[in-house]
Structures are given as C-alpha cells and as structure tokens.
Amino acid sequence: MKKAYLPLILLVLVIFEGLAINLLPKEIALSDYLIIAHWVLAFLVYIAVYYDLEDTYYSIVYAFMFGLLIDVVYAGVLGVYMFSYGIAIYAVHGLRKILHRNFYVLLLLCVTAITLADGLIYLMYTVIGVTDMIWSDYLLRRLLPTILANLLFLLLLFPLLKKRIVRWSEEQLDHGN
C-alpha cells in the first residue's frame, strides 16, 4: 500500500490543479496576470530530491505519466505537459546529483523546473499557434506570477512532506544497507 502513496498524492494534485483558480481572490483571478498551478511538478521535484536515489528514476516516470494525464484532462494538445514535465524533472534529477539536499536547493530546483516546464509549454503553444503572447508579456504576466504562486505552494508543503518522503524512500528503496 505504501508504494501507492506517491501516485495517489499526484492524482489528487492533478484534480486540485483544476480547482486552483477558484482558490485565488477575485482581484487576482480576474486580473491580467495568468497564474498556472504546477502543483504536480512541484511535488515531482520533492520526489526527485528526497525520494529518488542516484540510480532510480521514479520522478521521471511519474513526470511522463502525470504530464500525459494533465494533457488528457486539461490541455488541448496531447504531449505538451508530458514532454515539458519529463524534461524538467530529468534536468532536476541530474542537478540533484551535484547539489546538496536541503531546503534552499529544493527551492532552486523548483524554480528551475517551473521555469523550464512553463517555458517549454509556452514555446510549444507558440509554435503550434495556440498562443500569440509576446515574450515580455509572457515573462511578466505569466511566468513570474506562476513561479511565485507555485513557490508558495511548495513552502506550504515542505513541513508536511519532507520527512514522509524521506521515510518512504528509506522503507521502499534499497539504500545500500
């Protein structure tokens, strides 16, 4: 049963991402700012940093699976979130190997993942003609508010999840003991 915790949490986050806009105050929700909830991606960063070992890639597999699920449920084009989440978490998994595991590195890797994934989503949507937002508007009206909102989500989860994810990793994965 413990092996199902991570996918169940990710599934719940996929569901709540669709409701995230309703949680914002009306002033923000109706403003010119576009805040995209990347809660699944933020949790995948937790998995990459605190759950995966050097030679395990659960976070990358989950990134592709749940990215595809987000594509099916919320996006109009299949593969955009799957590809961008997969690439972002692959980069985080690689960077995690050369950085220490602490709170500040988690924040840095989350900003990196959100910037990379959201940038790839914007690029793909621009190339296929889904959006025509210019780069400066994207940067100021979508990327920066999205990063700040998702960092707030990450900060709220940190005290609740860090120790549990580390414990689940120790219980389920062979740590060379």
N, C-alpha and C. Protein backbone atom coordinates (compact mmCIF):
# COMPACT_ATOMS: atom_id res chain seq x y z
N MET A 1 0.81 -1.20 0.00
CA MET A 1 0.00 0.00 0.00
C MET A 1 0.85 1.26 0.00
N LYS A 2 1.99 1.21 0.69
CA LYS A 2 2.85 2.39 0.78
C LYS A 2 3.39 2.82 -0.57
N LYS A 3 3.54 1.88 -1.50
CA LYS A 3 4.03 2.24 -2.83
C LYS A 3 3.01 3.04 -3.62
N ALA A 4 1.77 3.02 -3.18
CA ALA A 4 0.71 3.76 -3.88
C ALA A 4 0.57 5.19 -3.37
N TYR A 5 1.27 5.56 -2.31
CA TYR A 5 1.13 6.90 -1.75
C TYR A 5 1.50 7.98 -2.76
N LEU A 6 2.66 7.86 -3.38
CA LEU A 6 3.10 8.90 -4.30
C LEU A 6 2.15 9.08 -5.48
N PRO A 7 1.76 7.99 -6.18
CA PRO A 7 0.82 8.20 -7.28
C PRO A 7 -0.54 8.72 -6.82
N LEU A 8 -0.99 8.33 -5.64
CA LEU A 8 -2.27 8.84 -5.14
C LEU A 8 -2.19 10.33 -4.83
N ILE A 9 -1.10 10.75 -4.24
CA ILE A 9 -0.91 12.19 -3.98
C ILE A 9 -0.86 12.95 -5.29
N LEU A 10 -0.14 12.42 -6.27
CA LEU A 10 -0.07 13.07 -7.58
C LEU A 10 -1.44 13.16 -8.23
N LEU A 11 -2.23 12.11 -8.12
CA LEU A 11 -3.58 12.12 -8.69
C LEU A 11 -4.46 13.18 -8.03
N VAL A 12 -4.38 13.28 -6.72
CA VAL A 12 -5.14 14.30 -6.00
C VAL A 12 -4.69 15.69 -6.44
N LEU A 13 -3.39 15.88 -6.63
CA LEU A 13 -2.88 17.18 -7.08
C LEU A 13 -3.36 17.52 -8.49
N VAL A 14 -3.45 16.52 -9.36
CA VAL A 14 -3.99 16.75 -10.71
C VAL A 14 -5.42 17.27 -10.60
N ILE A 15 -6.19 16.67 -9.73
CA ILE A 15 -7.59 17.10 -9.56
C ILE A 15 -7.65 18.51 -9.00
N PHE A 16 -6.86 18.80 -7.98
CA PHE A 16 -6.89 20.12 -7.35
C PHE A 16 -6.31 21.22 -8.22
N GLU A 17 -5.42 20.87 -9.15
CA GLU A 17 -4.90 21.88 -10.07
C GLU A 17 -6.03 22.53 -10.87
N GLY A 18 -7.02 21.75 -11.21
CA GLY A 18 -8.15 22.29 -11.95
C GLY A 18 -9.01 23.23 -11.12
N LEU A 19 -8.96 23.06 -9.82
CA LEU A 19 -9.73 23.91 -8.92
C LEU A 19 -8.94 25.10 -8.39
N ALA A 20 -7.67 25.17 -8.71
CA ALA A 20 -6.78 26.18 -8.12
C ALA A 20 -7.22 27.60 -8.41
N ILE A 21 -7.72 27.86 -9.60
CA ILE A 21 -8.13 29.21 -9.95
C ILE A 21 -9.26 29.69 -9.05
N ASN A 22 -10.09 28.77 -8.56
CA ASN A 22 -11.19 29.14 -7.67
C ASN A 22 -10.71 29.51 -6.27
N LEU A 23 -9.49 29.13 -5.93
CA LEU A 23 -8.94 29.44 -4.62
C LEU A 23 -8.33 30.83 -4.55
N LEU A 24 -8.10 31.43 -5.71
CA LEU A 24 -7.49 32.76 -5.74
C LEU A 24 -8.52 33.84 -5.45
N PRO A 25 -8.09 34.94 -4.84
CA PRO A 25 -9.01 36.08 -4.68
C PRO A 25 -9.44 36.60 -6.06
N LYS A 26 -10.65 37.17 -6.11
CA LYS A 26 -11.19 37.63 -7.39
C LYS A 26 -10.30 38.69 -8.04
N GLU A 27 -9.65 39.52 -7.24
CA GLU A 27 -8.79 40.57 -7.78
C GLU A 27 -7.65 39.97 -8.60
N ILE A 28 -7.12 38.86 -8.15
CA ILE A 28 -6.02 38.20 -8.86
C ILE A 28 -6.55 37.36 -10.00
N ALA A 29 -7.62 36.61 -9.76
CA ALA A 29 -8.16 35.72 -10.78
C ALA A 29 -8.67 36.49 -12.00
N LEU A 30 -9.20 37.67 -11.79
CA LEU A 30 -9.74 38.46 -12.90
C LEU A 30 -8.75 39.50 -13.44
N SER A 31 -7.53 39.51 -12.93
CA SER A 31 -6.53 40.48 -13.38
C SER A 31 -5.88 40.01 -14.68
N ASP A 32 -4.92 40.78 -15.14
CA ASP A 32 -4.18 40.44 -16.36
C ASP A 32 -3.13 39.36 -16.12
N TYR A 33 -2.89 39.01 -14.87
CA TYR A 33 -1.89 38.00 -14.56
C TYR A 33 -2.46 36.61 -14.78
N LEU A 34 -1.63 35.73 -15.34
CA LEU A 34 -2.02 34.34 -15.57
C LEU A 34 -1.19 33.46 -14.64
N ILE A 35 -1.84 32.90 -13.65
CA ILE A 35 -1.15 32.02 -12.70
C ILE A 35 -1.54 30.59 -13.02
N ILE A 36 -0.55 29.79 -13.36
CA ILE A 36 -0.76 28.39 -13.71
C ILE A 36 -0.31 27.53 -12.53
N ALA A 37 -1.17 26.69 -12.06
CA ALA A 37 -0.82 25.79 -10.95
C ALA A 37 -0.01 24.62 -11.51
N HIS A 38 1.21 24.52 -11.07
CA HIS A 38 2.09 23.39 -11.41
C HIS A 38 2.36 22.60 -10.14
N TRP A 39 1.29 22.23 -9.43
CA TRP A 39 1.44 21.53 -8.17
C TRP A 39 2.01 20.13 -8.37
N VAL A 40 1.62 19.48 -9.44
CA VAL A 40 2.17 18.16 -9.73
C VAL A 40 3.68 18.27 -9.95
N LEU A 41 4.08 19.27 -10.69
CA LEU A 41 5.51 19.48 -10.95
C LEU A 41 6.26 19.77 -9.66
N ALA A 42 5.69 20.59 -8.79
CA ALA A 42 6.34 20.90 -7.51
C ALA A 42 6.50 19.62 -6.67
N PHE A 43 5.49 18.78 -6.66
CA PHE A 43 5.60 17.53 -5.91
C PHE A 43 6.60 16.58 -6.58
N LEU A 44 6.68 16.61 -7.89
CA LEU A 44 7.67 15.79 -8.59
C LEU A 44 9.09 16.22 -8.24
N VAL A 45 9.28 17.50 -7.99
CA VAL A 45 10.60 17.97 -7.54
C VAL A 45 10.91 17.38 -6.17
N TYR A 46 9.93 17.35 -5.27
CA TYR A 46 10.11 16.68 -3.98
C TYR A 46 10.54 15.23 -4.19
N ILE A 47 9.86 14.53 -5.07
CA ILE A 47 10.18 13.12 -5.31
C ILE A 47 11.60 12.99 -5.86
N ALA A 48 11.97 13.87 -6.80
CA ALA A 48 13.31 13.81 -7.39
C ALA A 48 14.40 14.08 -6.34
N VAL A 49 14.14 15.02 -5.46
CA VAL A 49 15.16 15.41 -4.47
C VAL A 49 15.20 14.46 -3.29
N TYR A 50 14.05 14.10 -2.73
CA TYR A 50 14.03 13.37 -1.47
C TYR A 50 13.68 11.89 -1.58
N TYR A 51 13.15 11.44 -2.69
CA TYR A 51 12.75 10.04 -2.81
C TYR A 51 13.71 9.25 -3.69
N ASP A 52 13.99 9.75 -4.87
CA ASP A 52 14.85 9.03 -5.80
C ASP A 52 16.27 8.90 -5.29
N LEU A 53 16.88 7.76 -5.62
CA LEU A 53 18.30 7.56 -5.37
C LEU A 53 19.06 7.95 -6.63
N GLU A 54 20.37 7.75 -6.60
CA GLU A 54 21.18 8.08 -7.77
C GLU A 54 20.77 7.27 -9.00
N ASP A 55 20.34 6.04 -8.79
CA ASP A 55 20.06 5.16 -9.92
C ASP A 55 18.57 4.80 -10.05
N THR A 56 17.69 5.54 -9.37
CA THR A 56 16.26 5.33 -9.55
C THR A 56 15.65 6.57 -10.22
N TYR A 57 14.63 6.33 -10.99
CA TYR A 57 14.05 7.41 -11.81
C TYR A 57 12.53 7.45 -11.68
N TYR A 58 12.02 7.25 -10.48
CA TYR A 58 10.58 7.29 -10.25
C TYR A 58 10.01 8.65 -10.62
N SER A 59 10.72 9.70 -10.27
CA SER A 59 10.22 11.05 -10.54
C SER A 59 10.05 11.29 -12.03
N ILE A 60 10.95 10.78 -12.85
CA ILE A 60 10.87 10.98 -14.30
C ILE A 60 9.71 10.17 -14.87
N VAL A 61 9.56 8.95 -14.42
CA VAL A 61 8.44 8.11 -14.89
C VAL A 61 7.12 8.76 -14.50
N TYR A 62 7.01 9.22 -13.25
CA TYR A 62 5.79 9.90 -12.82
C TYR A 62 5.57 11.19 -13.60
N ALA A 63 6.64 11.89 -13.95
CA ALA A 63 6.51 13.13 -14.71
C ALA A 63 5.87 12.86 -16.07
N PHE A 64 6.32 11.82 -16.75
CA PHE A 64 5.72 11.49 -18.04
C PHE A 64 4.27 11.02 -17.88
N MET A 65 4.02 10.17 -16.89
CA MET A 65 2.67 9.64 -16.70
C MET A 65 1.67 10.73 -16.34
N PHE A 66 2.01 11.53 -15.36
CA PHE A 66 1.06 12.54 -14.89
C PHE A 66 1.05 13.77 -15.80
N GLY A 67 2.13 14.01 -16.52
CA GLY A 67 2.10 15.03 -17.56
C GLY A 67 1.11 14.66 -18.65
N LEU A 68 1.11 13.39 -19.04
CA LEU A 68 0.14 12.92 -20.03
C LEU A 68 -1.29 13.01 -19.49
N LEU A 69 -1.46 12.67 -18.21
CA LEU A 69 -2.79 12.78 -17.61
C LEU A 69 -3.28 14.23 -17.62
N ILE A 70 -2.41 15.18 -17.31
CA ILE A 70 -2.77 16.59 -17.36
C ILE A 70 -3.12 16.99 -18.79
N ASP A 71 -2.36 16.48 -19.76
CA ASP A 71 -2.67 16.75 -21.17
C ASP A 71 -4.07 16.27 -21.52
N VAL A 72 -4.40 15.07 -21.10
CA VAL A 72 -5.70 14.48 -21.43
C VAL A 72 -6.84 15.25 -20.75
N VAL A 73 -6.64 15.61 -19.48
CA VAL A 73 -7.73 16.22 -18.71
C VAL A 73 -7.87 17.72 -18.99
N TYR A 74 -6.76 18.46 -19.05
CA TYR A 74 -6.84 19.91 -19.06
C TYR A 74 -6.35 20.58 -20.35
N ALA A 75 -5.41 19.98 -21.04
CA ALA A 75 -4.80 20.65 -22.19
C ALA A 75 -5.49 20.27 -23.48
N GLY A 76 -5.37 21.12 -24.45
CA GLY A 76 -5.98 20.86 -25.74
C GLY A 76 -5.08 20.08 -26.68
N VAL A 77 -3.81 19.99 -26.35
CA VAL A 77 -2.85 19.32 -27.21
C VAL A 77 -2.15 18.23 -26.40
N LEU A 78 -2.18 17.00 -26.89
CA LEU A 78 -1.55 15.89 -26.17
C LEU A 78 -0.04 15.95 -26.29
N GLY A 79 0.63 15.70 -25.19
CA GLY A 79 2.08 15.58 -25.18
C GLY A 79 2.82 16.81 -24.71
N VAL A 80 2.17 17.95 -24.62
CA VAL A 80 2.87 19.18 -24.25
C VAL A 80 3.34 19.11 -22.79
N TYR A 81 2.43 18.83 -21.88
CA TYR A 81 2.80 18.73 -20.47
C TYR A 81 3.66 17.49 -20.23
N MET A 82 3.36 16.41 -20.88
CA MET A 82 4.15 15.19 -20.71
C MET A 82 5.61 15.46 -21.07
N PHE A 83 5.84 16.06 -22.20
CA PHE A 83 7.19 16.36 -22.64
C PHE A 83 7.87 17.37 -21.73
N SER A 84 7.17 18.46 -21.42
CA SER A 84 7.81 19.52 -20.63
C SER A 84 8.07 19.08 -19.18
N TYR A 85 7.13 18.36 -18.58
CA TYR A 85 7.37 17.86 -17.22
C TYR A 85 8.50 16.82 -17.22
N GLY A 86 8.52 15.96 -18.21
CA GLY A 86 9.58 14.95 -18.30
C GLY A 86 10.96 15.58 -18.42
N ILE A 87 11.09 16.56 -19.31
CA ILE A 87 12.38 17.24 -19.50
C ILE A 87 12.77 18.00 -18.23
N ALA A 88 11.83 18.72 -17.63
CA ALA A 88 12.13 19.50 -16.43
C ALA A 88 12.58 18.60 -15.28
N ILE A 89 11.90 17.51 -15.05
CA ILE A 89 12.26 16.62 -13.95
C ILE A 89 13.56 15.87 -14.27
N TYR A 90 13.80 15.57 -15.53
CA TYR A 90 15.09 14.96 -15.90
C TYR A 90 16.23 15.92 -15.56
N ALA A 91 16.04 17.20 -15.85
CA ALA A 91 17.07 18.21 -15.52
C ALA A 91 17.24 18.32 -14.00
N VAL A 92 16.14 18.33 -13.27
CA VAL A 92 16.21 18.40 -11.81
C VAL A 92 16.92 17.17 -11.24
N HIS A 93 16.60 16.00 -11.79
CA HIS A 93 17.23 14.76 -11.32
C HIS A 93 18.74 14.82 -11.56
N GLY A 94 19.16 15.36 -12.67
CA GLY A 94 20.58 15.49 -12.95
C GLY A 94 21.25 16.52 -12.05
N LEU A 95 20.61 17.66 -11.84
CA LEU A 95 21.18 18.70 -10.98
C LEU A 95 21.23 18.25 -9.52
N ARG A 96 20.27 17.46 -9.14
CA ARG A 96 20.21 16.98 -7.75
C ARG A 96 21.44 16.16 -7.40
N LYS A 97 22.02 15.50 -8.41
CA LYS A 97 23.20 14.66 -8.16
C LYS A 97 24.43 15.47 -7.79
N ILE A 98 24.47 16.75 -8.21
CA ILE A 98 25.66 17.56 -7.93
C ILE A 98 25.43 18.59 -6.83
N LEU A 99 24.19 18.70 -6.34
CA LEU A 99 23.87 19.65 -5.29
C LEU A 99 23.48 18.92 -4.01
N HIS A 100 23.65 19.59 -2.89
CA HIS A 100 23.25 19.01 -1.60
C HIS A 100 21.73 19.01 -1.49
N ARG A 101 21.23 18.09 -0.70
CA ARG A 101 19.79 18.02 -0.47
C ARG A 101 19.43 18.86 0.75
N ASN A 102 18.97 20.07 0.49
CA ASN A 102 18.48 20.92 1.57
C ASN A 102 17.36 21.80 1.05
N PHE A 103 16.81 22.59 1.92
CA PHE A 103 15.64 23.40 1.61
C PHE A 103 15.92 24.40 0.48
N TYR A 104 17.07 25.05 0.51
CA TYR A 104 17.39 26.06 -0.48
C TYR A 104 17.62 25.45 -1.87
N VAL A 105 18.20 24.29 -1.90
CA VAL A 105 18.37 23.59 -3.17
C VAL A 105 17.00 23.15 -3.70
N LEU A 106 16.12 22.73 -2.82
CA LEU A 106 14.76 22.38 -3.23
C LEU A 106 14.08 23.58 -3.88
N LEU A 107 14.20 24.75 -3.28
CA LEU A 107 13.61 25.97 -3.86
C LEU A 107 14.23 26.28 -5.22
N LEU A 108 15.54 26.20 -5.31
CA LEU A 108 16.24 26.46 -6.58
C LEU A 108 15.81 25.48 -7.66
N LEU A 109 15.73 24.21 -7.31
CA LEU A 109 15.33 23.21 -8.29
C LEU A 109 13.87 23.35 -8.69
N CYS A 110 13.03 23.79 -7.77
CA CYS A 110 11.63 24.02 -8.11
C CYS A 110 11.49 25.20 -9.07
N VAL A 111 12.21 26.27 -8.81
CA VAL A 111 12.19 27.41 -9.73
C VAL A 111 12.72 27.00 -11.10
N THR A 112 13.77 26.20 -11.11
CA THR A 112 14.34 25.70 -12.37
C THR A 112 13.32 24.86 -13.12
N ALA A 113 12.67 23.94 -12.42
CA ALA A 113 11.70 23.06 -13.06
C ALA A 113 10.50 23.83 -13.60
N ILE A 114 9.98 24.75 -12.81
CA ILE A 114 8.81 25.53 -13.25
C ILE A 114 9.18 26.41 -14.43
N THR A 115 10.33 27.06 -14.37
CA THR A 115 10.77 27.91 -15.47
C THR A 115 10.96 27.10 -16.74
N LEU A 116 11.62 25.96 -16.63
CA LEU A 116 11.87 25.12 -17.80
C LEU A 116 10.57 24.55 -18.37
N ALA A 117 9.74 23.99 -17.50
CA ALA A 117 8.50 23.38 -17.98
C ALA A 117 7.54 24.42 -18.56
N ASP A 118 7.34 25.50 -17.85
CA ASP A 118 6.41 26.51 -18.34
C ASP A 118 6.96 27.19 -19.59
N GLY A 119 8.26 27.38 -19.67
CA GLY A 119 8.87 27.93 -20.87
C GLY A 119 8.70 27.01 -22.07
N LEU A 120 8.87 25.71 -21.85
CA LEU A 120 8.66 24.74 -22.93
C LEU A 120 7.19 24.70 -23.37
N ILE A 121 6.28 24.78 -22.40
CA ILE A 121 4.86 24.80 -22.73
C ILE A 121 4.54 26.04 -23.58
N TYR A 122 5.05 27.20 -23.14
CA TYR A 122 4.83 28.44 -23.90
C TYR A 122 5.42 28.33 -25.30
N LEU A 123 6.63 27.80 -25.41
CA LEU A 123 7.28 27.66 -26.71
C LEU A 123 6.49 26.74 -27.63
N MET A 124 6.06 25.60 -27.11
CA MET A 124 5.30 24.66 -27.95
C MET A 124 3.96 25.25 -28.36
N TYR A 125 3.28 25.91 -27.43
CA TYR A 125 2.00 26.52 -27.77
C TYR A 125 2.17 27.67 -28.76
N THR A 126 3.28 28.37 -28.69
CA THR A 126 3.55 29.44 -29.65
C THR A 126 3.83 28.85 -31.04
N VAL A 127 4.62 27.80 -31.10
CA VAL A 127 4.97 27.18 -32.38
C VAL A 127 3.74 26.61 -33.08
N ILE A 128 2.85 25.99 -32.35
CA ILE A 128 1.67 25.39 -33.00
C ILE A 128 0.52 26.37 -33.13
N GLY A 129 0.70 27.60 -32.64
CA GLY A 129 -0.29 28.63 -32.85
C GLY A 129 -1.42 28.69 -31.84
N VAL A 130 -1.27 28.06 -30.69
CA VAL A 130 -2.31 28.11 -29.66
C VAL A 130 -2.29 29.46 -28.95
N THR A 131 -1.12 30.05 -28.78
CA THR A 131 -0.98 31.35 -28.13
C THR A 131 -0.17 32.29 -29.01
N ASP A 132 -0.43 33.57 -28.85
CA ASP A 132 0.35 34.57 -29.58
C ASP A 132 0.89 35.64 -28.65
N MET A 133 1.03 35.29 -27.38
CA MET A 133 1.55 36.22 -26.38
C MET A 133 3.02 36.51 -26.66
N ILE A 134 3.40 37.77 -26.62
CA ILE A 134 4.80 38.12 -26.86
C ILE A 134 5.63 37.78 -25.62
N TRP A 135 6.94 37.63 -25.83
CA TRP A 135 7.85 37.15 -24.79
C TRP A 135 7.80 38.00 -23.53
N SER A 136 7.83 39.33 -23.67
CA SER A 136 7.85 40.19 -22.48
C SER A 136 6.56 40.06 -21.68
N ASP A 137 5.42 39.96 -22.36
CA ASP A 137 4.15 39.75 -21.66
C ASP A 137 4.14 38.39 -20.96
N TYR A 138 4.66 37.39 -21.65
CA TYR A 138 4.72 36.06 -21.04
C TYR A 138 5.57 36.09 -19.77
N LEU A 139 6.70 36.73 -19.85
CA LEU A 139 7.61 36.77 -18.71
C LEU A 139 6.99 37.49 -17.52
N LEU A 140 6.39 38.65 -17.75
CA LEU A 140 5.88 39.46 -16.65
C LEU A 140 4.47 39.07 -16.19
N ARG A 141 3.64 38.65 -17.11
CA ARG A 141 2.25 38.37 -16.76
C ARG A 141 1.95 36.90 -16.48
N ARG A 142 2.83 36.00 -16.91
CA ARG A 142 2.56 34.59 -16.67
C ARG A 142 3.68 33.89 -15.90
N LEU A 143 4.91 33.97 -16.37
CA LEU A 143 5.99 33.18 -15.76
C LEU A 143 6.28 33.61 -14.32
N LEU A 144 6.51 34.89 -14.08
CA LEU A 144 6.85 35.34 -12.73
C LEU A 144 5.72 35.09 -11.73
N PRO A 145 4.45 35.43 -12.04
CA PRO A 145 3.38 35.09 -11.09
C PRO A 145 3.23 33.58 -10.87
N THR A 146 3.45 32.80 -11.92
CA THR A 146 3.36 31.35 -11.79
C THR A 146 4.45 30.82 -10.87
N ILE A 147 5.66 31.30 -11.03
CA ILE A 147 6.77 30.87 -10.16
C ILE A 147 6.48 31.23 -8.71
N LEU A 148 6.05 32.46 -8.47
CA LEU A 148 5.78 32.89 -7.09
C LEU A 148 4.65 32.09 -6.45
N ALA A 149 3.57 31.86 -7.19
CA ALA A 149 2.44 31.11 -6.64
C ALA A 149 2.82 29.66 -6.34
N ASN A 150 3.58 29.05 -7.22
CA ASN A 150 3.97 27.65 -7.01
C ASN A 150 5.02 27.52 -5.92
N LEU A 151 5.87 28.53 -5.74
CA LEU A 151 6.81 28.50 -4.62
C LEU A 151 6.06 28.61 -3.30
N LEU A 152 5.01 29.39 -3.26
CA LEU A 152 4.19 29.45 -2.06
C LEU A 152 3.59 28.08 -1.75
N PHE A 153 3.10 27.41 -2.77
CA PHE A 153 2.57 26.05 -2.59
C PHE A 153 3.67 25.11 -2.07
N LEU A 154 4.86 25.21 -2.64
CA LEU A 154 5.99 24.38 -2.23
C LEU A 154 6.34 24.65 -0.76
N LEU A 155 6.33 25.91 -0.36
CA LEU A 155 6.64 26.25 1.02
C LEU A 155 5.60 25.71 1.99
N LEU A 156 4.35 25.71 1.58
CA LEU A 156 3.30 25.17 2.44
C LEU A 156 3.43 23.66 2.61
N LEU A 157 3.90 22.99 1.58
CA LEU A 157 4.04 21.53 1.64
C LEU A 157 5.28 21.07 2.38
N PHE A 158 6.32 21.89 2.44
CA PHE A 158 7.60 21.45 2.97
C PHE A 158 7.50 20.82 4.36
N PRO A 159 6.88 21.47 5.34
CA PRO A 159 6.83 20.84 6.67
C PRO A 159 6.01 19.55 6.70
N LEU A 160 5.06 19.43 5.80
CA LEU A 160 4.19 18.25 5.79
C LEU A 160 4.80 17.05 5.09
N LEU A 161 5.62 17.29 4.08
CA LEU A 161 6.02 16.20 3.20
C LEU A 161 7.48 15.75 3.29
N LYS A 162 8.38 16.61 3.63
CA LYS A 162 9.79 16.26 3.52
C LYS A 162 10.15 14.99 4.29
N LYS A 163 9.80 14.94 5.56
CA LYS A 163 10.16 13.78 6.38
C LYS A 163 9.45 12.51 5.91
N ARG A 164 8.19 12.65 5.48
CA ARG A 164 7.45 11.48 5.00
C ARG A 164 8.07 10.91 3.73
N ILE A 165 8.42 11.78 2.81
CA ILE A 165 9.00 11.30 1.55
C ILE A 165 10.34 10.62 1.80
N VAL A 166 11.15 11.20 2.66
CA VAL A 166 12.43 10.58 3.00
C VAL A 166 12.20 9.22 3.66
N ARG A 167 11.24 9.13 4.57
CA ARG A 167 10.93 7.86 5.23
C ARG A 167 10.43 6.83 4.23
N TRP A 168 9.53 7.23 3.32
CA TRP A 168 9.03 6.30 2.30
C TRP A 168 10.17 5.81 1.41
N SER A 169 11.09 6.68 1.10
CA SER A 169 12.23 6.28 0.29
C SER A 169 13.09 5.26 1.03
N GLU A 170 13.34 5.50 2.29
CA GLU A 170 14.15 4.57 3.08
C GLU A 170 13.46 3.22 3.24
N GLU A 171 12.15 3.22 3.37
CA GLU A 171 11.40 1.98 3.54
C GLU A 171 11.28 1.17 2.25
N GLN A 172 11.15 1.86 1.13
CA GLN A 172 10.84 1.17 -0.12
C GLN A 172 12.03 0.93 -1.04
N LEU A 173 13.04 1.74 -0.92
CA LEU A 173 14.19 1.61 -1.82
C LEU A 173 15.39 1.08 -1.06
N ASP A 174 16.22 0.36 -1.74
CA ASP A 174 17.43 -0.19 -1.14
C ASP A 174 18.47 0.91 -1.08
N HIS A 175 18.85 1.27 0.12
CA HIS A 175 19.85 2.33 0.29
C HIS A 175 21.25 1.76 0.54
N GLY A 176 21.50 0.59 0.06
CA GLY A 176 22.82 0.00 0.19
C GLY A 176 23.12 -0.54 1.57
N ASN A 177 22.12 -0.75 2.38
CA ASN A 177 22.33 -1.27 3.74
C ASN A 177 22.35 -2.76 3.77
